[in-house]
Amino acid sequence: MPNTTKIWMFLRFQALLVAGCVALVWGLKGLGPALSAACGGAVALIGGVIYALILSKVGSVGRVAVLHLHLVAEIAKLCGMFAAVVILFVFYRQANWIWVFAGLLVAYSAYWFGLLIKI
């Protein structure tokens, strides 16, 4: 299986975890905190999509450039996530930041689950 297919499969798994978290928060705390958790998960998903789009070029570069491409992808991911948080802060002032952080943590827990189940 090509690496890009694994990356997109991982992103689907990450989105599934975020959806489960949002459903749980919505059932327990209501719509406001659930939207905040969804925003936190979306920030992590945006970063993951940026990373995946950059890594989709791995097939077209030489072996020496692969590490450089991973570094560029990670930097772009962090910049994209920072921009998403700034946009969230500016346009969604009523966000409950504890639930935003919880959604972000759930999305990032997918990395550890992915390592455990070798996605």
N, C-alpha and C. Protein backbone atom coordinates (compact mmCIF):
# COMPACT_ATOMS: atom_id res chain seq x y z
N MET A 1 0.85 -1.18 0.00
CA MET A 1 0.00 0.00 0.00
C MET A 1 0.90 1.24 0.00
N PRO A 2 0.67 2.20 -0.90
CA PRO A 2 1.50 3.40 -0.93
C PRO A 2 1.34 4.22 0.35
N ASN A 3 2.39 4.97 0.66
CA ASN A 3 2.36 5.77 1.88
C ASN A 3 1.24 6.80 1.88
N THR A 4 0.94 7.39 0.72
CA THR A 4 -0.13 8.39 0.69
C THR A 4 -1.47 7.76 1.01
N THR A 5 -1.69 6.52 0.61
CA THR A 5 -2.94 5.85 0.96
C THR A 5 -3.03 5.64 2.47
N LYS A 6 -1.91 5.29 3.07
CA LYS A 6 -1.90 5.12 4.53
C LYS A 6 -2.16 6.43 5.24
N ILE A 7 -1.62 7.51 4.70
CA ILE A 7 -1.82 8.82 5.33
C ILE A 7 -3.30 9.21 5.28
N TRP A 8 -3.94 9.02 4.12
CA TRP A 8 -5.35 9.37 4.01
C TRP A 8 -6.21 8.44 4.86
N MET A 9 -5.82 7.18 5.00
CA MET A 9 -6.54 6.27 5.87
C MET A 9 -6.42 6.72 7.33
N PHE A 10 -5.24 7.19 7.69
CA PHE A 10 -5.04 7.72 9.03
C PHE A 10 -5.90 8.95 9.28
N LEU A 11 -6.01 9.83 8.29
CA LEU A 11 -6.84 11.02 8.45
C LEU A 11 -8.31 10.67 8.61
N ARG A 12 -8.76 9.63 7.91
CA ARG A 12 -10.15 9.17 8.11
C ARG A 12 -10.34 8.64 9.53
N PHE A 13 -9.35 7.91 10.04
CA PHE A 13 -9.40 7.41 11.41
C PHE A 13 -9.43 8.57 12.40
N GLN A 14 -8.62 9.59 12.14
CA GLN A 14 -8.58 10.76 12.99
C GLN A 14 -9.95 11.47 12.98
N ALA A 15 -10.56 11.61 11.82
CA ALA A 15 -11.88 12.24 11.72
C ALA A 15 -12.94 11.42 12.45
N LEU A 16 -12.83 10.11 12.39
CA LEU A 16 -13.76 9.24 13.10
C LEU A 16 -13.65 9.43 14.62
N LEU A 17 -12.43 9.53 15.12
CA LEU A 17 -12.24 9.78 16.56
C LEU A 17 -12.82 11.14 16.97
N VAL A 18 -12.61 12.15 16.14
CA VAL A 18 -13.15 13.48 16.43
C VAL A 18 -14.68 13.44 16.42
N ALA A 19 -15.26 12.76 15.45
CA ALA A 19 -16.72 12.66 15.38
C ALA A 19 -17.28 11.96 16.62
N GLY A 20 -16.60 10.92 17.07
CA GLY A 20 -17.03 10.24 18.30
C GLY A 20 -16.94 11.15 19.51
N CYS A 21 -15.87 11.91 19.59
CA CYS A 21 -15.70 12.85 20.70
C CYS A 21 -16.79 13.91 20.67
N VAL A 22 -17.06 14.45 19.50
CA VAL A 22 -18.09 15.49 19.37
C VAL A 22 -19.46 14.93 19.75
N ALA A 23 -19.78 13.73 19.31
CA ALA A 23 -21.06 13.12 19.66
C ALA A 23 -21.18 12.91 21.17
N LEU A 24 -20.10 12.46 21.79
CA LEU A 24 -20.10 12.25 23.24
C LEU A 24 -20.28 13.56 23.99
N VAL A 25 -19.53 14.58 23.58
CA VAL A 25 -19.64 15.89 24.25
C VAL A 25 -21.02 16.48 24.02
N TRP A 26 -21.56 16.32 22.82
CA TRP A 26 -22.89 16.84 22.54
C TRP A 26 -23.92 16.17 23.44
N GLY A 27 -23.80 14.86 23.62
CA GLY A 27 -24.74 14.14 24.48
C GLY A 27 -24.62 14.51 25.94
N LEU A 28 -23.39 14.80 26.38
CA LEU A 28 -23.17 15.08 27.80
C LEU A 28 -23.28 16.56 28.16
N LYS A 29 -22.77 17.43 27.29
CA LYS A 29 -22.66 18.85 27.64
C LYS A 29 -23.49 19.80 26.79
N GLY A 30 -23.97 19.35 25.63
CA GLY A 30 -24.78 20.22 24.78
C GLY A 30 -24.05 20.65 23.53
N LEU A 31 -24.74 21.49 22.77
CA LEU A 31 -24.26 21.87 21.45
C LEU A 31 -23.05 22.80 21.49
N GLY A 32 -23.02 23.77 22.40
CA GLY A 32 -21.91 24.73 22.46
C GLY A 32 -20.56 24.06 22.67
N PRO A 33 -20.42 23.26 23.72
CA PRO A 33 -19.15 22.56 23.90
C PRO A 33 -18.83 21.58 22.78
N ALA A 34 -19.87 20.97 22.18
CA ALA A 34 -19.63 20.04 21.07
C ALA A 34 -19.06 20.79 19.86
N LEU A 35 -19.57 21.99 19.57
CA LEU A 35 -19.02 22.78 18.48
C LEU A 35 -17.58 23.18 18.75
N SER A 36 -17.28 23.48 20.01
CA SER A 36 -15.91 23.82 20.37
C SER A 36 -14.99 22.62 20.19
N ALA A 37 -15.44 21.44 20.59
CA ALA A 37 -14.64 20.23 20.40
C ALA A 37 -14.46 19.93 18.92
N ALA A 38 -15.49 20.18 18.12
CA ALA A 38 -15.38 19.98 16.67
C ALA A 38 -14.36 20.94 16.07
N CYS A 39 -14.33 22.16 16.56
CA CYS A 39 -13.35 23.13 16.07
C CYS A 39 -11.93 22.70 16.42
N GLY A 40 -11.73 22.20 17.62
CA GLY A 40 -10.41 21.70 18.01
C GLY A 40 -9.98 20.52 17.15
N GLY A 41 -10.90 19.61 16.90
CA GLY A 41 -10.59 18.48 16.03
C GLY A 41 -10.31 18.93 14.60
N ALA A 42 -11.05 19.95 14.15
CA ALA A 42 -10.84 20.46 12.79
C ALA A 42 -9.46 21.10 12.65
N VAL A 43 -8.97 21.74 13.69
CA VAL A 43 -7.63 22.32 13.65
C VAL A 43 -6.60 21.22 13.41
N ALA A 44 -6.73 20.13 14.13
CA ALA A 44 -5.79 19.02 13.95
C ALA A 44 -5.95 18.38 12.58
N LEU A 45 -7.17 18.26 12.11
CA LEU A 45 -7.40 17.67 10.78
C LEU A 45 -6.85 18.56 9.68
N ILE A 46 -6.97 19.86 9.83
CA ILE A 46 -6.40 20.79 8.85
C ILE A 46 -4.89 20.59 8.76
N GLY A 47 -4.24 20.48 9.91
CA GLY A 47 -2.81 20.23 9.91
C GLY A 47 -2.45 18.91 9.25
N GLY A 48 -3.24 17.89 9.51
CA GLY A 48 -3.00 16.59 8.90
C GLY A 48 -3.17 16.59 7.40
N VAL A 49 -4.17 17.33 6.92
CA VAL A 49 -4.40 17.42 5.48
C VAL A 49 -3.25 18.16 4.80
N ILE A 50 -2.78 19.23 5.42
CA ILE A 50 -1.63 19.96 4.87
C ILE A 50 -0.43 19.03 4.77
N TYR A 51 -0.18 18.28 5.82
CA TYR A 51 0.94 17.33 5.84
C TYR A 51 0.79 16.29 4.73
N ALA A 52 -0.41 15.76 4.59
CA ALA A 52 -0.65 14.72 3.58
C ALA A 52 -0.50 15.27 2.16
N LEU A 53 -0.96 16.49 1.94
CA LEU A 53 -0.83 17.08 0.60
C LEU A 53 0.63 17.28 0.22
N ILE A 54 1.44 17.70 1.17
CA ILE A 54 2.86 17.89 0.88
C ILE A 54 3.54 16.55 0.68
N LEU A 55 3.20 15.57 1.49
CA LEU A 55 3.83 14.25 1.36
C LEU A 55 3.37 13.49 0.13
N SER A 56 2.31 13.93 -0.50
CA SER A 56 1.87 13.25 -1.72
C SER A 56 2.88 13.43 -2.85
N LYS A 57 3.84 14.34 -2.67
CA LYS A 57 4.89 14.56 -3.66
C LYS A 57 6.09 13.65 -3.46
N VAL A 58 6.06 12.75 -2.48
CA VAL A 58 7.20 11.89 -2.18
C VAL A 58 7.60 11.06 -3.39
N GLY A 59 6.65 10.60 -4.16
CA GLY A 59 6.96 9.78 -5.32
C GLY A 59 7.73 10.51 -6.40
N SER A 60 7.64 11.84 -6.43
CA SER A 60 8.28 12.60 -7.49
C SER A 60 9.64 13.17 -7.09
N VAL A 61 10.10 12.91 -5.88
CA VAL A 61 11.41 13.42 -5.45
C VAL A 61 12.35 12.25 -5.22
N GLY A 62 13.62 12.53 -5.19
CA GLY A 62 14.61 11.49 -4.93
C GLY A 62 14.64 11.12 -3.46
N ARG A 63 15.37 10.06 -3.18
CA ARG A 63 15.44 9.56 -1.80
C ARG A 63 16.06 10.57 -0.85
N VAL A 64 16.98 11.35 -1.33
CA VAL A 64 17.66 12.33 -0.48
C VAL A 64 16.69 13.41 -0.02
N ALA A 65 15.73 13.74 -0.86
CA ALA A 65 14.82 14.84 -0.56
C ALA A 65 13.64 14.43 0.32
N VAL A 66 13.48 13.16 0.61
CA VAL A 66 12.33 12.71 1.38
C VAL A 66 12.34 13.29 2.80
N LEU A 67 13.48 13.28 3.47
CA LEU A 67 13.57 13.84 4.82
C LEU A 67 13.27 15.33 4.79
N HIS A 68 13.80 16.01 3.79
CA HIS A 68 13.53 17.45 3.65
C HIS A 68 12.03 17.68 3.45
N LEU A 69 11.39 16.84 2.67
CA LEU A 69 9.97 16.98 2.42
C LEU A 69 9.16 16.75 3.70
N HIS A 70 9.58 15.80 4.54
CA HIS A 70 8.92 15.59 5.83
C HIS A 70 9.06 16.82 6.72
N LEU A 71 10.24 17.42 6.73
CA LEU A 71 10.47 18.62 7.53
C LEU A 71 9.59 19.77 7.04
N VAL A 72 9.55 19.97 5.74
CA VAL A 72 8.70 21.02 5.18
C VAL A 72 7.24 20.76 5.50
N ALA A 73 6.81 19.50 5.40
CA ALA A 73 5.42 19.15 5.70
C ALA A 73 5.09 19.43 7.17
N GLU A 74 6.00 19.10 8.06
CA GLU A 74 5.75 19.34 9.49
C GLU A 74 5.68 20.84 9.80
N ILE A 75 6.56 21.62 9.22
CA ILE A 75 6.54 23.06 9.44
C ILE A 75 5.26 23.67 8.87
N ALA A 76 4.87 23.23 7.67
CA ALA A 76 3.63 23.73 7.07
C ALA A 76 2.42 23.33 7.90
N LYS A 77 2.45 22.12 8.46
CA LYS A 77 1.35 21.65 9.31
C LYS A 77 1.22 22.54 10.54
N LEU A 78 2.33 22.83 11.19
CA LEU A 78 2.28 23.67 12.39
C LEU A 78 1.83 25.09 12.06
N CYS A 79 2.29 25.64 10.95
CA CYS A 79 1.86 26.99 10.54
C CYS A 79 0.37 26.99 10.21
N GLY A 80 -0.10 25.96 9.53
CA GLY A 80 -1.53 25.87 9.22
C GLY A 80 -2.38 25.74 10.46
N MET A 81 -1.91 24.95 11.42
CA MET A 81 -2.66 24.80 12.67
C MET A 81 -2.67 26.11 13.46
N PHE A 82 -1.55 26.82 13.46
CA PHE A 82 -1.49 28.11 14.15
C PHE A 82 -2.47 29.08 13.50
N ALA A 83 -2.48 29.13 12.18
CA ALA A 83 -3.40 30.02 11.46
C ALA A 83 -4.85 29.64 11.76
N ALA A 84 -5.15 28.35 11.83
CA ALA A 84 -6.51 27.90 12.12
C ALA A 84 -6.94 28.32 13.53
N VAL A 85 -6.03 28.25 14.50
CA VAL A 85 -6.36 28.66 15.87
C VAL A 85 -6.58 30.17 15.93
N VAL A 86 -5.76 30.93 15.22
CA VAL A 86 -5.95 32.39 15.18
C VAL A 86 -7.30 32.73 14.56
N ILE A 87 -7.64 32.08 13.45
CA ILE A 87 -8.93 32.33 12.81
C ILE A 87 -10.07 31.93 13.74
N LEU A 88 -9.91 30.82 14.42
CA LEU A 88 -10.92 30.38 15.39
C LEU A 88 -11.08 31.40 16.50
N PHE A 89 -9.98 31.92 17.01
CA PHE A 89 -10.02 32.91 18.09
C PHE A 89 -10.69 34.20 17.62
N VAL A 90 -10.41 34.62 16.41
CA VAL A 90 -10.96 35.88 15.91
C VAL A 90 -12.45 35.76 15.59
N PHE A 91 -12.87 34.66 14.94
CA PHE A 91 -14.23 34.57 14.44
C PHE A 91 -15.19 33.79 15.33
N TYR A 92 -14.70 33.06 16.31
CA TYR A 92 -15.58 32.26 17.17
C TYR A 92 -15.22 32.56 18.62
N ARG A 93 -15.54 33.77 19.03
CA ARG A 93 -15.17 34.25 20.36
C ARG A 93 -15.83 33.45 21.49
N GLN A 94 -17.00 32.90 21.26
CA GLN A 94 -17.70 32.18 22.31
C GLN A 94 -17.23 30.73 22.46
N ALA A 95 -16.13 30.40 21.81
CA ALA A 95 -15.60 29.03 21.91
C ALA A 95 -15.21 28.73 23.36
N ASN A 96 -15.54 27.55 23.78
CA ASN A 96 -15.14 27.07 25.09
C ASN A 96 -13.78 26.39 24.91
N TRP A 97 -12.72 27.05 25.33
CA TRP A 97 -11.37 26.63 24.98
C TRP A 97 -10.96 25.31 25.60
N ILE A 98 -11.57 24.93 26.69
CA ILE A 98 -11.28 23.62 27.28
C ILE A 98 -11.73 22.52 26.31
N TRP A 99 -12.91 22.71 25.69
CA TRP A 99 -13.42 21.70 24.75
C TRP A 99 -12.69 21.76 23.41
N VAL A 100 -12.21 22.95 23.04
CA VAL A 100 -11.37 23.05 21.84
C VAL A 100 -10.11 22.23 22.04
N PHE A 101 -9.51 22.40 23.20
CA PHE A 101 -8.29 21.65 23.52
C PHE A 101 -8.58 20.15 23.61
N ALA A 102 -9.74 19.79 24.16
CA ALA A 102 -10.11 18.36 24.24
C ALA A 102 -10.27 17.76 22.84
N GLY A 103 -10.91 18.48 21.94
CA GLY A 103 -11.05 18.00 20.57
C GLY A 103 -9.71 17.85 19.88
N LEU A 104 -8.82 18.78 20.13
CA LEU A 104 -7.46 18.71 19.58
C LEU A 104 -6.70 17.51 20.13
N LEU A 105 -6.83 17.26 21.42
CA LEU A 105 -6.15 16.11 22.03
C LEU A 105 -6.70 14.78 21.51
N VAL A 106 -8.00 14.71 21.32
CA VAL A 106 -8.58 13.48 20.78
C VAL A 106 -8.06 13.23 19.37
N ALA A 107 -7.99 14.29 18.57
CA ALA A 107 -7.48 14.13 17.21
C ALA A 107 -6.01 13.72 17.23
N TYR A 108 -5.24 14.29 18.13
CA TYR A 108 -3.83 13.92 18.21
C TYR A 108 -3.61 12.55 18.83
N SER A 109 -4.57 12.05 19.59
CA SER A 109 -4.44 10.70 20.12
C SER A 109 -4.46 9.67 18.99
N ALA A 110 -5.00 10.06 17.84
CA ALA A 110 -5.01 9.16 16.68
C ALA A 110 -3.60 8.81 16.26
N TYR A 111 -2.64 9.71 16.46
CA TYR A 111 -1.25 9.39 16.13
C TYR A 111 -0.77 8.19 16.94
N TRP A 112 -1.09 8.19 18.23
CA TRP A 112 -0.65 7.10 19.10
C TRP A 112 -1.40 5.81 18.77
N PHE A 113 -2.70 5.93 18.53
CA PHE A 113 -3.45 4.74 18.11
C PHE A 113 -2.94 4.20 16.78
N GLY A 114 -2.59 5.12 15.89
CA GLY A 114 -2.05 4.72 14.59
C GLY A 114 -0.74 3.96 14.74
N LEU A 115 0.09 4.38 15.68
CA LEU A 115 1.34 3.66 15.93
C LEU A 115 1.07 2.28 16.54
N LEU A 116 0.08 2.21 17.43
CA LEU A 116 -0.23 0.95 18.07
C LEU A 116 -0.83 -0.08 17.11
N ILE A 117 -1.70 0.39 16.22
CA ILE A 117 -2.35 -0.55 15.31
C ILE A 117 -1.70 -0.54 13.92
N LYS A 118 -0.63 0.21 13.79
CA LYS A 118 0.19 0.26 12.57
C LYS A 118 -0.60 0.61 11.33
N ILE A 119 -1.30 1.74 11.42
CA ILE A 119 -2.04 2.24 10.25
C ILE A 119 -1.03 2.68 9.21
